[in-house]
Amino acid sequence: MQISEDITMLSALQKDNRLEAYQYFFMKYYKPLCFKASQMLGNEERAKEEVQQLFIEVWKKKIYRQISHSPGGFFYQLLYERCQRIQQQ
């Protein structure tokens, strides 16, 4: 079951700071997040850049430690807020 795997990987990420666990989330959510960002921003290349920057920021600042449930929902919420800020500029 996918949710179980997400929970296992999230635990590995938060406890051990395992890069492999973070890569799992990148590989799972990169394309869907790019699609969502592209819809919001109307620019596929800009969407890819923003999603990549989002993942870099979450890793460097260890924002993933704030995930308490649904990693996918967490990434979508961060992306939504990021795109909203871009649209307001």
C-alpha atoms as a PDB file:
ATOM      1  CA  MET A   1       0.000   0.000   0.000  1.00  0.00           C
ATOM      2  CA  GLN A   2       1.375   3.427  -0.971  1.00  0.00           C
ATOM      3  CA  ILE A   3       0.410   5.217   2.242  1.00  0.00           C
ATOM      4  CA  SER A   4       2.293   2.660   4.307  1.00  0.00           C
ATOM      5  CA  GLU A   5       5.386   3.139   2.168  1.00  0.00           C
ATOM      6  CA  ASP A   6       5.114   6.928   2.545  1.00  0.00           C
ATOM      7  CA  ILE A   7       4.948   6.564   6.330  1.00  0.00           C
ATOM      8  CA  THR A   8       7.952   4.235   6.376  1.00  0.00           C
ATOM      9  CA  MET A   9       9.996   6.572   4.199  1.00  0.00           C
ATOM     10  CA  LEU A  10       8.931   9.630   6.190  1.00  0.00           C
ATOM     11  CA  SER A  11      10.043   7.945   9.385  1.00  0.00           C
ATOM     12  CA  ALA A  12      13.435   7.111   7.839  1.00  0.00           C
ATOM     13  CA  LEU A  13      13.797  10.664   6.628  1.00  0.00           C
ATOM     14  CA  GLN A  14      12.875  12.323   9.903  1.00  0.00           C
ATOM     15  CA  LYS A  15      14.818   9.946  12.169  1.00  0.00           C
ATOM     16  CA  ASP A  16      17.965   9.382  10.139  1.00  0.00           C
ATOM     17  CA  ASN A  17      17.985  12.240   7.618  1.00  0.00           C
ATOM     18  CA  ARG A  18      18.308   9.572   4.910  1.00  0.00           C
ATOM     19  CA  LEU A  19      18.840  10.957   1.439  1.00  0.00           C
ATOM     20  CA  GLU A  20      17.342   7.807  -0.088  1.00  0.00           C
ATOM     21  CA  ALA A  21      14.073   8.528   1.689  1.00  0.00           C
ATOM     22  CA  TYR A  22      14.045  12.092   0.385  1.00  0.00           C
ATOM     23  CA  GLN A  23      14.777  10.854  -3.121  1.00  0.00           C
ATOM     24  CA  TYR A  24      11.762   8.568  -2.803  1.00  0.00           C
ATOM     25  CA  PHE A  25       9.502  11.589  -2.247  1.00  0.00           C
ATOM     26  CA  PHE A  26      11.161  13.538  -5.045  1.00  0.00           C
ATOM     27  CA  MET A  27      10.661  10.696  -7.506  1.00  0.00           C
ATOM     28  CA  LYS A  28       7.074  10.112  -6.403  1.00  0.00           C
ATOM     29  CA  TYR A  29       5.857  13.711  -6.337  1.00  0.00           C
ATOM     30  CA  TYR A  30       8.038  15.627  -8.814  1.00  0.00           C
ATOM     31  CA  LYS A  31       5.898  15.074 -11.928  1.00  0.00           C
ATOM     32  CA  PRO A  32       2.493  15.606 -10.263  1.00  0.00           C
ATOM     33  CA  LEU A  33       3.790  18.756  -8.573  1.00  0.00           C
ATOM     34  CA  CYS A  34       5.169  20.043 -11.881  1.00  0.00           C
ATOM     35  CA  PHE A  35       1.780  19.469 -13.473  1.00  0.00           C
ATOM     36  CA  LYS A  36       0.020  21.385 -10.689  1.00  0.00           C
ATOM     37  CA  ALA A  37       2.541  24.234 -10.797  1.00  0.00           C
ATOM     38  CA  SER A  38       2.224  24.414 -14.575  1.00  0.00           C
ATOM     39  CA  GLN A  39      -1.544  24.764 -14.237  1.00  0.00           C
ATOM     40  CA  MET A  40      -1.151  27.529 -11.686  1.00  0.00           C
ATOM     41  CA  LEU A  41       1.684  29.430 -13.374  1.00  0.00           C
ATOM     42  CA  GLY A  42       0.833  28.786 -17.019  1.00  0.00           C
ATOM     43  CA  ASN A  43       4.478  28.052 -17.824  1.00  0.00           C
ATOM     44  CA  GLU A  44       5.913  24.535 -17.844  1.00  0.00           C
ATOM     45  CA  GLU A  45       9.577  25.532 -17.549  1.00  0.00           C
ATOM     46  CA  ARG A  46       8.906  27.936 -14.687  1.00  0.00           C
ATOM     47  CA  ALA A  47       6.842  25.235 -12.992  1.00  0.00           C
ATOM     48  CA  LYS A  48       9.740  22.752 -13.159  1.00  0.00           C
ATOM     49  CA  GLU A  49      12.135  25.345 -11.750  1.00  0.00           C
ATOM     50  CA  GLU A  50       9.804  26.143  -8.865  1.00  0.00           C
ATOM     51  CA  VAL A  51       9.261  22.487  -7.974  1.00  0.00           C
ATOM     52  CA  GLN A  52      13.006  21.840  -8.040  1.00  0.00           C
ATOM     53  CA  GLN A  53      13.616  24.881  -5.848  1.00  0.00           C
ATOM     54  CA  LEU A  54      10.898  23.711  -3.480  1.00  0.00           C
ATOM     55  CA  PHE A  55      12.570  20.329  -3.010  1.00  0.00           C
ATOM     56  CA  ILE A  56      15.989  21.939  -2.544  1.00  0.00           C
ATOM     57  CA  GLU A  57      14.641  24.345   0.063  1.00  0.00           C
ATOM     58  CA  VAL A  58      12.779  21.619   1.960  1.00  0.00           C
ATOM     59  CA  TRP A  59      15.959  19.523   2.083  1.00  0.00           C
ATOM     60  CA  LYS A  60      18.425  22.293   2.991  1.00  0.00           C
ATOM     61  CA  LYS A  61      16.207  23.844   5.660  1.00  0.00           C
ATOM     62  CA  LYS A  62      15.045  20.428   6.894  1.00  0.00           C
ATOM     63  CA  ILE A  63      11.428  21.542   6.505  1.00  0.00           C
ATOM     64  CA  TYR A  64      10.493  17.872   6.075  1.00  0.00           C
ATOM     65  CA  ARG A  65      10.716  17.589   9.865  1.00  0.00           C
ATOM     66  CA  GLN A  66       7.430  19.506   9.999  1.00  0.00           C
ATOM     67  CA  ILE A  67       5.514  16.803   8.108  1.00  0.00           C
ATOM     68  CA  SER A  68       3.100  15.230  10.559  1.00  0.00           C
ATOM     69  CA  HIS A  69       0.863  13.457   8.041  1.00  0.00           C
ATOM     70  CA  SER A  70       0.433  13.026   4.281  1.00  0.00           C
ATOM     71  CA  PRO A  71       3.792  13.955   2.739  1.00  0.00           C
ATOM     72  CA  GLY A  72       2.037  14.473  -0.606  1.00  0.00           C
ATOM     73  CA  GLY A  73      -0.383  16.940   0.922  1.00  0.00           C
ATOM     74  CA  PHE A  74       2.498  18.712   2.620  1.00  0.00           C
ATOM     75  CA  PHE A  75       4.387  19.180  -0.661  1.00  0.00           C
ATOM     76  CA  TYR A  76       1.240  20.264  -2.509  1.00  0.00           C
ATOM     77  CA  GLN A  77       0.474  22.863   0.181  1.00  0.00           C
ATOM     78  CA  LEU A  78       4.000  24.286   0.035  1.00  0.00           C
ATOM     79  CA  LEU A  79       3.829  24.417  -3.748  1.00  0.00           C
ATOM     80  CA  TYR A  80       0.418  26.077  -3.708  1.00  0.00           C
ATOM     81  CA  GLU A  81       1.686  28.800  -1.357  1.00  0.00           C
ATOM     82  CA  ARG A  82       4.813  29.277  -3.462  1.00  0.00           C
ATOM     83  CA  CYS A  83       2.807  29.637  -6.690  1.00  0.00           C
ATOM     84  CA  GLN A  84       0.398  32.043  -5.007  1.00  0.00           C
ATOM     85  CA  ARG A  85       3.305  34.300  -4.006  1.00  0.00           C
ATOM     86  CA  ILE A  86       4.663  34.213  -7.568  1.00  0.00           C
ATOM     87  CA  GLN A  87       1.268  35.109  -9.027  1.00  0.00           C
ATOM     88  CA  GLN A  88       0.978  38.090  -6.675  1.00  0.00           C
ATOM     89  CA  GLN A  89       4.292  39.571  -7.805  1.00  0.00           C
END
